[in-house]
Amino acid sequence: MSASLLAVVAVAVVIALALLAALWRRLQRTSPGVVIADSRSLTSLDDATGAVRSVQTAVVTLPSDALAQIWSPEYLERLARTYWRFLSRVTLGLIQVRYAEHERSIVLLLRPIRLLVFHAPEYEMDRVHGLVRWRIARGVLVAKRGREGGGYLQIEVRRDPSEDEAQAHLHVTVEVANFYPSIASALSRRVYDATQSRIHVIVTNRFLRSLVRLDLAESRVGRYRL
C-alpha cells in the first residue's frame, strides 16, 4: 500500500471516531441568531486531464450587526485559520499545519508526512466579497503532474446584496480546483473517491456547519491584525 493511501486510511479512522465523539456537542454550541442552510456539494473530474474539482457551499444567516463586526481582512484571515484549526481538531491532532514564510504544509504527524504543501495564502476583499486562496505546490497526495500545476484550495465569502437591517446572508464556498490526486494516478479513481475525496467532502461540510458558532480562530501570522 502506498504511503499516500496509508496516510488517508489512518486519517479516515481518526475522523470517523472524532465525528462520532463530537456529534452530541454539535447542536449545543451555537451563536445566537446564526443559522446554516442550503448546504451543497459537487465533485467532478476532467476526463481529459485527470484534474479534480470539488466545491462545497453553505449559506450562513446571521444578524446584520454581527456580520458588520467581522467583515474585515482581519476576520477573513481568521476564517482561513479556523479552517486549519478545524482540520486539526477533527483529526484529533493527527494532522497539523506547519507555517513557513512562504509555505503552509499539511503534515501527518505519524512520521511526519507532508501530505500537501501550499504557497502562502493570497487575500482579496471588498465591500461584498472576500477570498483566501492557497496555491498547491506539492505533497504526498499530489501527483507529479499537479505539482506547481496551477491547482488551489480557496475559501470564498460573498454577502447577499439583499440583506436588510436585521439579517444578513453570507454565502461561503470552499473549493479545490485543478487538483491531481496521487491516489487516483497510482491506484485508481475508485480508490480515491472512496478515501481522500470522501474524507475531504465530509470534513469540509462539517467545517461549514461549524460556522454556526462564529468562533473564528486567531491567526497564527496576524498579517491583517489590528
Protein backbone atom coordinates (compact mmCIF):
# COMPACT_ATOMS: atom_id res chain seq x y z
CA MET A 1 0.00 0.00 0.00
CA SER A 2 1.39 3.42 -0.97
CA ALA A 3 2.40 5.97 1.65
CA SER A 4 -0.33 8.33 0.47
CA LEU A 5 -3.05 5.70 0.83
CA LEU A 6 -1.78 4.65 4.25
CA ALA A 7 -1.95 8.26 5.35
CA VAL A 8 -5.50 8.67 4.08
CA VAL A 9 -6.71 5.45 5.72
CA ALA A 10 -5.22 6.47 9.06
CA VAL A 11 -6.85 9.87 8.85
CA ALA A 12 -10.19 8.31 7.86
CA VAL A 13 -10.26 6.20 11.02
CA VAL A 14 -9.45 9.15 13.25
CA ILE A 15 -12.01 11.39 11.56
CA ALA A 16 -14.74 8.77 11.98
CA LEU A 17 -14.01 8.48 15.70
CA ALA A 18 -13.79 12.24 16.16
CA LEU A 19 -17.06 12.91 14.35
CA LEU A 20 -18.89 10.33 16.42
CA ALA A 21 -17.49 11.77 19.63
CA ALA A 22 -18.43 15.31 18.60
CA LEU A 23 -21.92 14.55 17.31
CA TRP A 24 -23.74 15.31 20.55
CA ARG A 25 -21.78 18.55 21.04
CA ARG A 26 -22.53 19.99 17.63
CA LEU A 27 -26.03 21.22 18.37
CA GLN A 28 -25.25 22.57 21.81
CA ARG A 29 -22.77 25.28 20.82
CA THR A 30 -24.25 27.92 18.54
CA SER A 31 -24.08 31.68 18.26
CA PRO A 32 -27.43 33.43 18.83
CA GLY A 33 -29.35 34.16 15.63
CA VAL A 34 -26.98 32.21 13.35
CA VAL A 35 -28.34 29.52 11.02
CA ILE A 36 -26.55 27.37 8.43
CA ALA A 37 -28.66 26.37 5.43
CA ASP A 38 -28.62 25.38 1.77
CA SER A 39 -25.51 23.19 2.04
CA ARG A 40 -24.40 21.77 -1.31
CA SER A 41 -21.51 19.69 -2.59
CA LEU A 42 -20.19 18.89 -6.06
CA THR A 43 -17.11 16.92 -7.09
CA SER A 44 -16.13 16.46 -10.72
CA LEU A 45 -13.27 15.02 -12.76
CA ASP A 46 -11.87 16.31 -16.03
CA ASP A 47 -11.55 13.08 -18.02
CA ALA A 48 -9.10 14.66 -20.43
CA THR A 49 -6.58 15.78 -17.81
CA GLY A 50 -7.45 13.85 -14.64
CA ALA A 51 -7.85 17.07 -12.65
CA VAL A 52 -10.38 17.09 -9.81
CA ARG A 53 -12.62 19.95 -8.77
CA SER A 54 -14.56 19.80 -5.50
CA VAL A 55 -16.90 22.55 -4.27
CA GLN A 56 -18.84 22.73 -1.00
CA THR A 57 -21.13 25.65 -0.22
CA ALA A 58 -23.43 26.86 2.53
CA VAL A 59 -25.40 29.97 3.40
CA VAL A 60 -24.85 31.50 6.83
CA THR A 61 -27.78 33.60 8.04
CA LEU A 62 -26.79 35.88 10.90
CA PRO A 63 -27.68 39.25 12.43
CA SER A 64 -26.56 42.10 10.19
CA ASP A 65 -24.68 43.81 13.00
CA ALA A 66 -22.76 40.59 13.72
CA LEU A 67 -21.64 40.38 10.09
CA ALA A 68 -20.66 44.05 10.09
CA GLN A 69 -18.37 43.43 13.07
CA ILE A 70 -16.46 40.63 11.33
CA TRP A 71 -16.43 41.91 7.75
CA SER A 72 -12.77 42.88 7.52
CA PRO A 73 -9.46 41.49 6.23
CA GLU A 74 -8.53 40.53 9.79
CA TYR A 75 -11.54 38.25 10.12
CA LEU A 76 -11.04 36.82 6.63
CA GLU A 77 -7.58 35.80 7.79
CA ARG A 78 -9.12 34.36 10.94
CA LEU A 79 -11.63 32.37 8.86
CA ALA A 80 -8.69 30.86 6.99
CA ARG A 81 -7.02 29.90 10.27
CA THR A 82 -10.34 28.47 11.51
CA TYR A 83 -10.36 26.04 8.59
CA TRP A 84 -6.92 24.68 9.53
CA ARG A 85 -7.84 24.56 13.21
CA PHE A 86 -10.96 22.56 12.37
CA LEU A 87 -8.92 20.12 10.28
CA SER A 88 -6.57 19.53 13.20
CA ARG A 89 -9.39 19.14 15.72
CA VAL A 90 -11.46 16.76 13.63
CA THR A 91 -8.40 14.51 13.23
CA LEU A 92 -7.64 14.72 16.97
CA GLY A 93 -4.36 16.47 16.23
CA LEU A 94 -3.13 13.81 13.84
CA ILE A 95 -3.00 16.42 11.09
CA GLN A 96 -1.30 19.75 11.74
CA VAL A 97 -0.48 22.84 9.70
CA ARG A 98 3.13 23.95 9.71
CA TYR A 99 3.82 27.56 8.87
CA ALA A 100 6.81 28.88 6.98
CA GLU A 101 7.33 32.33 5.50
CA HIS A 102 6.30 31.27 2.01
CA GLU A 103 4.53 27.92 2.59
CA ARG A 104 1.84 26.12 4.54
CA SER A 105 2.38 22.36 4.97
CA ILE A 106 -0.36 19.93 5.92
CA VAL A 107 1.50 17.30 7.91
CA LEU A 108 0.51 13.85 9.16
CA LEU A 109 2.35 13.54 12.45
CA LEU A 110 2.92 9.80 12.31
CA ARG A 111 6.31 10.18 10.59
CA PRO A 112 5.75 13.10 9.79
CA ILE A 113 4.42 13.01 6.23
CA ARG A 114 3.88 16.21 4.25
CA LEU A 115 0.51 15.45 2.71
CA LEU A 116 0.06 18.79 0.99
CA VAL A 117 2.25 21.85 0.64
CA PHE A 118 0.70 25.17 -0.35
CA HIS A 119 2.18 28.52 -1.14
CA ALA A 120 1.40 31.28 1.36
CA PRO A 121 -2.21 32.47 1.07
CA GLU A 122 -3.43 35.22 -1.21
CA TYR A 123 -6.22 37.51 0.00
CA GLU A 124 -8.85 39.57 -1.79
CA MET A 125 -11.58 41.62 -0.15
CA ASP A 126 -14.04 44.37 -0.99
CA ARG A 127 -17.43 45.54 0.25
CA VAL A 128 -19.34 42.37 -0.69
CA HIS A 129 -16.71 39.72 -1.47
CA GLY A 130 -13.75 38.10 0.23
CA LEU A 131 -11.41 35.30 -0.83
CA VAL A 132 -8.37 33.48 0.51
CA ARG A 133 -6.51 31.15 -1.84
CA TRP A 134 -3.67 28.70 -1.23
CA ARG A 135 -1.95 27.51 -4.42
CA ILE A 136 -0.88 23.86 -4.39
CA ALA A 137 2.88 23.31 -4.61
CA ARG A 138 3.48 19.61 -3.91
CA GLY A 139 2.96 16.83 -1.34
CA VAL A 140 2.43 13.09 -0.98
CA LEU A 141 -1.21 13.40 -2.03
CA VAL A 142 -0.34 15.37 -5.18
CA ALA A 143 0.55 13.54 -8.39
CA LYS A 144 3.64 14.74 -10.26
CA ARG A 145 1.51 16.39 -12.89
CA GLY A 146 -0.16 18.55 -10.27
CA ARG A 147 2.95 19.87 -8.56
CA GLU A 148 3.15 23.59 -9.24
CA GLY A 149 0.43 22.90 -11.79
CA GLY A 150 -1.99 25.70 -11.03
CA GLY A 151 -4.17 23.85 -8.52
CA TYR A 152 -5.50 25.59 -5.46
CA LEU A 153 -7.66 25.48 -2.35
CA GLN A 154 -9.75 28.55 -1.62
CA ILE A 155 -12.42 29.84 0.74
CA GLU A 156 -14.74 32.47 -0.70
CA VAL A 157 -17.33 34.55 1.13
CA ARG A 158 -19.94 36.69 -0.56
CA ARG A 159 -22.53 38.95 1.04
CA ASP A 160 -26.08 38.84 -0.27
CA PRO A 161 -26.85 42.35 -1.59
CA SER A 162 -30.47 41.91 -0.48
CA GLU A 163 -29.57 41.81 3.23
CA ASP A 164 -31.71 44.03 5.45
CA GLU A 165 -31.13 45.85 8.71
CA ALA A 166 -31.96 42.78 10.80
CA GLN A 167 -30.49 39.80 8.95
CA ALA A 168 -27.67 39.15 6.53
CA HIS A 169 -26.92 36.14 4.34
CA LEU A 170 -23.32 35.12 3.79
CA HIS A 171 -22.56 32.63 1.02
CA VAL A 172 -19.47 30.57 1.91
CA THR A 173 -17.71 28.36 -0.63
CA VAL A 174 -14.76 26.03 -0.15
CA GLU A 175 -13.26 24.94 -3.46
CA VAL A 176 -10.40 22.70 -4.57
CA ALA A 177 -9.66 23.08 -8.26
CA ASN A 178 -7.18 21.66 -10.78
CA PHE A 179 -6.02 19.10 -8.21
CA TYR A 180 -4.26 15.94 -9.43
CA PRO A 181 -4.57 13.24 -6.73
CA SER A 182 -1.68 10.79 -6.47
CA ILE A 183 -4.04 8.06 -5.21
CA ALA A 184 -6.04 8.23 -8.44
CA SER A 185 -2.96 8.14 -10.66
CA ALA A 186 -1.10 5.45 -8.68
CA LEU A 187 -4.06 3.24 -7.84
CA SER A 188 -7.45 4.15 -9.29
CA ARG A 189 -10.12 6.83 -9.32
CA ARG A 190 -12.42 4.47 -7.42
CA VAL A 191 -9.96 4.19 -4.54
CA TYR A 192 -9.51 7.96 -4.50
CA ASP A 193 -13.28 8.51 -4.44
CA ALA A 194 -13.69 6.09 -1.52
CA THR A 195 -10.87 7.56 0.55
CA GLN A 196 -9.39 11.02 0.13
CA SER A 197 -12.25 12.54 -1.84
CA ARG A 198 -14.90 11.30 0.59
CA ILE A 199 -12.89 12.47 3.61
CA HIS A 200 -12.45 15.92 2.10
CA VAL A 201 -16.18 16.32 1.42
CA ILE A 202 -17.17 15.13 4.92
CA VAL A 203 -14.66 17.38 6.67
CA THR A 204 -15.46 20.44 4.56
CA ASN A 205 -19.22 20.10 5.01
CA ARG A 206 -18.71 19.72 8.74
CA PHE A 207 -16.46 22.79 8.75
CA LEU A 208 -19.15 24.84 7.04
CA ARG A 209 -21.72 23.72 9.58
CA SER A 210 -19.34 24.59 12.42
CA LEU A 211 -19.51 28.25 11.36
CA VAL A 212 -22.83 28.44 13.20
CA ARG A 213 -20.71 29.17 16.30
CA LEU A 214 -18.91 32.14 14.70
CA ASP A 215 -15.86 31.02 16.66
CA LEU A 216 -13.11 32.34 14.41
CA ALA A 217 -9.59 31.40 15.47
CA GLU A 218 -6.84 33.94 15.97
CA SER A 219 -4.47 34.00 13.03
CA ARG A 220 -1.03 32.46 13.56
CA VAL A 221 0.52 35.06 11.25
CA GLY A 222 -1.57 38.13 12.00
CA ARG A 223 -0.97 39.80 8.66
CA TYR A 224 -4.13 41.90 8.97
CA ARG A 225 -4.43 42.01 12.74
CA LEU A 226 -5.36 45.45 14.02
